[in-house]
Amino acid sequence: MRLDNFINSLFSLFTDGIVSNLVSSFIVLVVGSIAGILFANFRDFIAKSRPIRRVLRLNPHGGTLYVVAATIRPQTPGAVQGDGSPQRATPSTGLGELKAASYINQALTVGYPRRANRIELVLSETFTGFKEDDKSGEIISLGGPKFNEMTRSYREGQQLALAFDLSDPGNASVVERHAGAVVRTYQQVRTGEHRKDFGIIMRLPNRLDPGKENAVFLLEGAGTYGVEGCAKMLTLARIGGFSRYARELKEQWWQALVEVSVEGNLVTPTLVRVIAISSENRR
């Protein structure tokens, strides 16, 4: 073999080896980078979704999530119906319920992204139950029993620890009872621009679910800010403390009392306590 051919052969082997190593290293680098990004995103998803899932405990593969908002029919000034009764405008919902629906959507999108496209907002007076092909749905009801038929139907006959006393509309309060006796009263406060409102979040068995495994959530407020505060308590920024309560409680049915501080339009919720609902106190 000629010397120049021998040198060329060695050079070819050398350069091919370098190119091969470079290509292999590049592939390893790309695959490693992609794997790192995927792992970081997965870890970030788990960190964000875990507190929300621990509190809500919804079926990640369930059907439609129905957000049922209280129905309000404002009177039309001066207008009357054929029977002489005041004519009411097109049904809508309250501002607190609208804001609450937005917060609930945020929480569900983070905690249950696979079900984000199956969230349906309906007014309480038009909600007639699950669709025939959607028996695995769940309900989040916004607003108290006065304007929300769904909340009213679940509240009737219940002897639960936390309940609103709305006998004085301008001075509402939350009453806590144990064994039928009042042990605490939480009073709504209004001082100038500052307000202290209260809300109650309940997780109850869903009567529309034959297996009673799916939940219905009731978010009530002494006022419209109470409903908004309850929903805001379930968002990623607020749910951390709630998640610790839920982990320690280890009960699937409960009531949570939320204190809501209002400064102008700024609503700041704080979790006060979580109380388990015993089987004899629910139906």
Protein backbone atom coordinates (compact mmCIF):
# COMPACT_ATOMS: atom_id res chain seq x y z
CA MET A 1 0.00 0.00 0.00
CA ARG A 2 1.28 3.41 -0.87
CA LEU A 3 2.12 5.70 2.03
CA ASP A 4 -0.28 8.43 0.97
CA ASN A 5 -3.16 5.92 0.73
CA PHE A 6 -2.31 4.59 4.18
CA ILE A 7 -2.28 8.11 5.63
CA ASN A 8 -5.59 8.91 3.96
CA SER A 9 -7.14 5.74 5.40
CA LEU A 10 -5.98 6.61 8.92
CA PHE A 11 -7.25 10.17 8.53
CA SER A 12 -10.61 8.91 7.30
CA LEU A 13 -10.98 6.58 10.28
CA PHE A 14 -9.99 9.35 12.65
CA THR A 15 -12.38 11.95 11.23
CA ASP A 16 -15.27 9.44 10.97
CA GLY A 17 -14.75 8.61 14.65
CA ILE A 18 -14.83 12.26 15.64
CA VAL A 19 -17.97 12.92 13.59
CA SER A 20 -19.63 9.85 15.03
CA ASN A 21 -18.77 10.90 18.58
CA LEU A 22 -19.95 14.44 17.94
CA VAL A 23 -23.29 13.22 16.53
CA SER A 24 -23.74 10.83 19.45
CA SER A 25 -22.93 13.54 21.96
CA PHE A 26 -25.33 15.93 20.27
CA ILE A 27 -28.14 13.35 20.32
CA VAL A 28 -27.50 12.61 24.00
CA LEU A 29 -27.49 16.36 24.75
CA VAL A 30 -30.78 16.95 22.92
CA VAL A 31 -32.51 13.93 24.46
CA GLY A 32 -31.20 14.86 27.91
CA SER A 33 -32.40 18.46 27.52
CA ILE A 34 -35.86 17.38 26.39
CA ALA A 35 -36.09 14.85 29.23
CA GLY A 36 -35.01 17.55 31.70
CA ILE A 37 -37.62 19.99 30.43
CA LEU A 38 -40.36 17.34 30.54
CA PHE A 39 -39.37 16.29 34.06
CA ALA A 40 -39.28 19.91 35.26
CA ASN A 41 -42.71 20.57 33.75
CA PHE A 42 -44.09 17.37 35.27
CA ARG A 43 -42.64 18.26 38.67
CA ASP A 44 -44.07 21.76 38.38
CA PHE A 45 -47.50 20.33 37.44
CA ILE A 46 -47.44 17.95 40.43
CA ALA A 47 -46.40 20.74 42.79
CA LYS A 48 -49.21 22.99 41.58
CA SER A 49 -51.98 20.43 41.14
CA ARG A 50 -51.42 18.34 44.29
CA PRO A 51 -52.87 20.86 46.83
CA ILE A 52 -55.94 21.47 44.65
CA ARG A 53 -56.49 17.75 44.12
CA ARG A 54 -56.01 17.01 47.82
CA VAL A 55 -58.81 19.43 48.74
CA LEU A 56 -61.29 18.88 45.91
CA ARG A 57 -60.68 15.14 45.34
CA LEU A 58 -62.48 15.19 42.01
CA ASN A 59 -62.31 12.32 39.56
CA PRO A 60 -59.48 13.31 37.15
CA HIS A 61 -61.16 11.32 34.37
CA GLY A 62 -64.78 12.18 35.23
CA GLY A 63 -67.46 13.81 33.12
CA THR A 64 -68.64 17.41 32.97
CA LEU A 65 -67.89 19.76 35.86
CA TYR A 66 -71.04 21.82 36.35
CA VAL A 67 -70.51 25.24 37.93
CA VAL A 68 -74.04 26.19 39.02
CA ALA A 69 -74.39 29.92 39.77
CA ALA A 70 -77.21 31.54 41.74
CA THR A 71 -80.00 32.98 39.59
CA ILE A 72 -81.02 36.60 40.05
CA ARG A 73 -83.97 38.19 38.21
CA PRO A 74 -83.86 41.97 38.80
CA GLN A 75 -87.18 43.79 38.64
CA THR A 76 -87.76 46.04 35.64
CA PRO A 77 -88.75 49.46 37.10
CA GLY A 78 -92.40 50.30 36.36
CA ALA A 79 -93.02 47.19 34.27
CA VAL A 80 -95.72 44.73 35.30
CA GLN A 81 -96.91 41.37 34.03
CA GLY A 82 -100.48 40.47 33.02
CA ASP A 83 -101.39 39.48 36.59
CA GLY A 84 -100.12 42.80 37.97
CA SER A 85 -96.91 41.38 39.49
CA PRO A 86 -93.58 43.16 38.80
CA GLN A 87 -91.94 42.14 35.55
CA ARG A 88 -88.45 40.81 36.02
CA ALA A 89 -85.52 41.12 33.65
CA THR A 90 -83.61 38.31 31.96
CA PRO A 91 -82.09 36.01 34.59
CA SER A 92 -78.44 36.60 35.44
CA THR A 93 -76.17 36.03 38.42
CA GLY A 94 -74.39 38.19 40.98
CA LEU A 95 -70.99 39.86 40.65
CA GLY A 96 -69.58 37.70 43.43
CA GLU A 97 -70.73 34.55 41.66
CA LEU A 98 -69.19 35.71 38.37
CA LYS A 99 -65.84 36.36 40.03
CA ALA A 100 -66.14 33.07 41.89
CA ALA A 101 -66.74 31.23 38.62
CA SER A 102 -63.53 32.75 37.24
CA TYR A 103 -61.53 31.59 40.28
CA ILE A 104 -63.05 28.12 40.10
CA ASN A 105 -62.09 27.89 36.44
CA GLN A 106 -58.49 28.83 37.35
CA ALA A 107 -58.34 26.16 40.07
CA LEU A 108 -59.83 23.43 37.90
CA THR A 109 -57.57 24.25 34.95
CA VAL A 110 -54.48 23.87 37.17
CA GLY A 111 -55.67 20.86 39.16
CA TYR A 112 -57.54 18.95 36.46
CA PRO A 113 -56.24 20.06 33.03
CA ARG A 114 -57.75 17.03 31.29
CA ARG A 115 -61.20 18.23 32.33
CA ALA A 116 -60.62 21.91 31.60
CA ASN A 117 -62.63 21.68 28.37
CA ARG A 118 -65.53 20.02 30.21
CA ILE A 119 -66.40 22.87 32.58
CA GLU A 120 -69.95 24.11 32.04
CA LEU A 121 -71.35 27.25 33.69
CA VAL A 122 -75.14 27.18 34.17
CA LEU A 123 -77.69 29.19 36.13
CA SER A 124 -79.28 27.36 39.03
CA GLU A 125 -82.85 27.78 37.79
CA THR A 126 -82.01 26.14 34.45
CA PHE A 127 -79.91 23.25 35.79
CA THR A 128 -81.97 20.07 35.65
CA GLY A 129 -79.26 17.54 36.43
CA PHE A 130 -76.70 15.48 34.58
CA LYS A 131 -77.12 14.56 30.97
CA GLU A 132 -78.14 10.96 30.36
CA ASP A 133 -74.68 10.05 29.06
CA ASP A 134 -72.82 11.97 31.76
CA LYS A 135 -73.44 10.25 35.11
CA SER A 136 -69.87 10.83 36.29
CA GLY A 137 -70.20 14.61 36.41
CA GLU A 138 -69.66 16.74 39.50
CA ILE A 139 -71.19 20.00 40.74
CA ILE A 140 -69.78 23.20 42.24
CA SER A 141 -72.68 25.41 43.37
CA LEU A 142 -72.09 29.14 43.86
CA GLY A 143 -74.34 31.21 46.10
CA GLY A 144 -76.59 30.70 49.09
CA PRO A 145 -80.02 29.06 49.29
CA LYS A 146 -81.95 32.30 48.74
CA PHE A 147 -81.04 32.55 45.04
CA ASN A 148 -79.50 29.17 44.29
CA GLU A 149 -81.96 26.29 43.98
CA MET A 150 -79.16 23.73 43.97
CA THR A 151 -77.75 24.99 47.28
CA ARG A 152 -81.25 25.18 48.75
CA SER A 153 -82.04 21.57 47.86
CA TYR A 154 -78.87 20.34 49.56
CA ARG A 155 -79.26 22.60 52.58
CA GLU A 156 -82.83 21.52 53.38
CA GLY A 157 -82.98 19.05 56.24
CA GLN A 158 -79.28 19.30 56.98
CA GLN A 159 -78.17 19.67 60.60
CA LEU A 160 -74.61 20.84 60.06
CA ALA A 161 -72.16 22.55 62.37
CA LEU A 162 -71.84 25.76 60.33
CA ALA A 163 -74.85 27.72 59.10
CA PHE A 164 -75.73 31.33 58.30
CA ASP A 165 -78.07 33.38 60.44
CA LEU A 166 -79.67 35.80 57.98
CA SER A 167 -82.54 36.91 60.23
CA ASP A 168 -81.07 40.42 60.17
CA PRO A 169 -80.18 41.02 56.46
CA GLY A 170 -77.86 43.92 57.24
CA ASN A 171 -76.07 42.11 60.03
CA ALA A 172 -75.53 38.51 58.94
CA SER A 173 -73.50 36.01 60.93
CA VAL A 174 -72.27 32.43 60.90
CA VAL A 175 -73.35 30.22 63.78
CA GLU A 176 -71.36 27.16 64.81
CA ARG A 177 -73.29 24.45 66.65
CA HIS A 178 -72.23 21.18 68.20
CA ALA A 179 -74.76 18.74 69.66
CA GLY A 180 -77.43 21.37 68.98
CA ALA A 181 -75.79 24.03 71.14
CA VAL A 182 -74.31 27.27 69.78
CA VAL A 183 -70.59 27.37 70.60
CA ARG A 184 -69.41 30.27 68.41
CA THR A 185 -70.84 33.14 66.39
CA TYR A 186 -68.90 34.87 63.59
CA GLN A 187 -70.30 38.34 62.93
CA GLN A 188 -70.25 40.22 59.65
CA VAL A 189 -68.63 43.68 60.11
CA ARG A 190 -68.86 46.85 58.02
CA THR A 191 -66.71 49.87 58.91
CA GLY A 192 -66.33 52.47 56.18
CA GLU A 193 -64.40 50.95 53.28
CA HIS A 194 -63.49 47.87 55.32
CA ARG A 195 -65.77 44.85 55.52
CA LYS A 196 -65.46 41.48 57.14
CA ASP A 197 -67.60 38.88 55.46
CA PHE A 198 -67.80 35.11 55.83
CA GLY A 199 -68.21 32.19 53.51
CA ILE A 200 -68.79 28.46 53.93
CA ILE A 201 -67.44 25.78 51.61
CA MET A 202 -69.07 22.35 51.86
CA ARG A 203 -68.12 19.04 50.29
CA LEU A 204 -71.13 16.71 50.33
CA PRO A 205 -72.13 13.45 48.62
CA ASN A 206 -73.73 14.11 45.24
CA ARG A 207 -77.30 12.81 45.34
CA LEU A 208 -77.43 12.85 41.54
CA ASP A 209 -74.62 10.28 41.44
CA PRO A 210 -76.09 6.80 42.05
CA GLY A 211 -72.86 5.54 43.61
CA LYS A 212 -72.55 8.59 45.92
CA GLU A 213 -68.83 8.67 45.13
CA ASN A 214 -68.78 12.01 43.35
CA ALA A 215 -69.06 15.22 45.33
CA VAL A 216 -71.11 18.38 45.24
CA PHE A 217 -69.48 21.56 46.51
CA LEU A 218 -71.56 24.38 47.96
CA LEU A 219 -69.91 27.81 48.18
CA GLU A 220 -72.07 30.19 50.22
CA GLY A 221 -71.50 33.70 51.50
CA ALA A 222 -73.10 36.02 54.03
CA GLY A 223 -72.80 38.51 51.18
CA THR A 224 -71.54 38.49 47.61
CA TYR A 225 -67.94 38.90 48.82
CA GLY A 226 -68.27 35.71 50.85
CA VAL A 227 -68.95 33.66 47.73
CA GLU A 228 -66.03 35.29 45.91
CA GLY A 229 -63.74 34.69 48.90
CA CYS A 230 -64.66 30.99 49.08
CA ALA A 231 -63.72 30.48 45.44
CA LYS A 232 -60.53 32.51 45.77
CA MET A 233 -59.57 30.26 48.71
CA LEU A 234 -59.42 27.33 46.25
CA THR A 235 -56.94 28.98 43.86
CA LEU A 236 -53.27 28.05 43.69
CA ALA A 237 -52.18 31.17 45.59
CA ARG A 238 -54.40 30.39 48.61
CA ILE A 239 -55.00 26.67 48.79
CA GLY A 240 -51.72 25.61 50.44
CA GLY A 241 -52.99 26.04 54.01
CA PHE A 242 -56.33 24.50 53.08
CA SER A 243 -54.50 21.48 51.70
CA ARG A 244 -52.74 20.92 55.03
CA TYR A 245 -56.07 21.04 56.84
CA ALA A 246 -57.55 18.52 54.41
CA ARG A 247 -54.57 16.18 54.82
CA GLU A 248 -54.84 16.26 58.61
CA LEU A 249 -58.64 15.93 58.63
CA LYS A 250 -58.67 12.83 56.39
CA GLU A 251 -62.44 13.11 55.90
CA GLN A 252 -64.04 13.28 52.49
CA TRP A 253 -67.13 15.26 53.63
CA TRP A 254 -66.57 18.55 55.44
CA GLN A 255 -67.43 22.21 55.97
CA ALA A 256 -64.85 24.99 55.86
CA LEU A 257 -65.34 28.47 57.30
CA VAL A 258 -63.65 31.28 55.37
CA GLU A 259 -63.22 34.81 56.73
CA VAL A 260 -63.16 37.41 53.96
CA SER A 261 -61.55 40.80 54.43
CA VAL A 262 -62.68 43.45 51.94
CA GLU A 263 -60.83 46.72 51.36
CA GLY A 264 -62.47 48.58 48.51
CA ASN A 265 -62.52 45.96 45.74
CA LEU A 266 -59.69 43.86 47.20
CA VAL A 267 -60.99 40.56 48.59
CA THR A 268 -58.64 38.58 50.85
CA PRO A 269 -59.87 35.22 52.18
CA THR A 270 -58.48 33.40 55.22
CA LEU A 271 -59.33 29.86 56.24
CA VAL A 272 -60.67 29.82 59.82
CA ARG A 273 -61.48 26.16 60.41
CA VAL A 274 -62.50 22.89 58.74
CA ILE A 275 -65.09 20.62 60.38
CA ALA A 276 -65.84 17.03 59.42
CA ILE A 277 -69.44 16.16 58.58
CA SER A 278 -70.49 12.99 60.35
CA SER A 279 -72.76 10.47 58.61
CA GLU A 280 -75.67 11.16 60.98
CA ASN A 281 -75.58 14.87 60.10
CA ARG A 282 -75.90 14.51 56.34
CA ARG A 283 -78.41 12.95 54.02
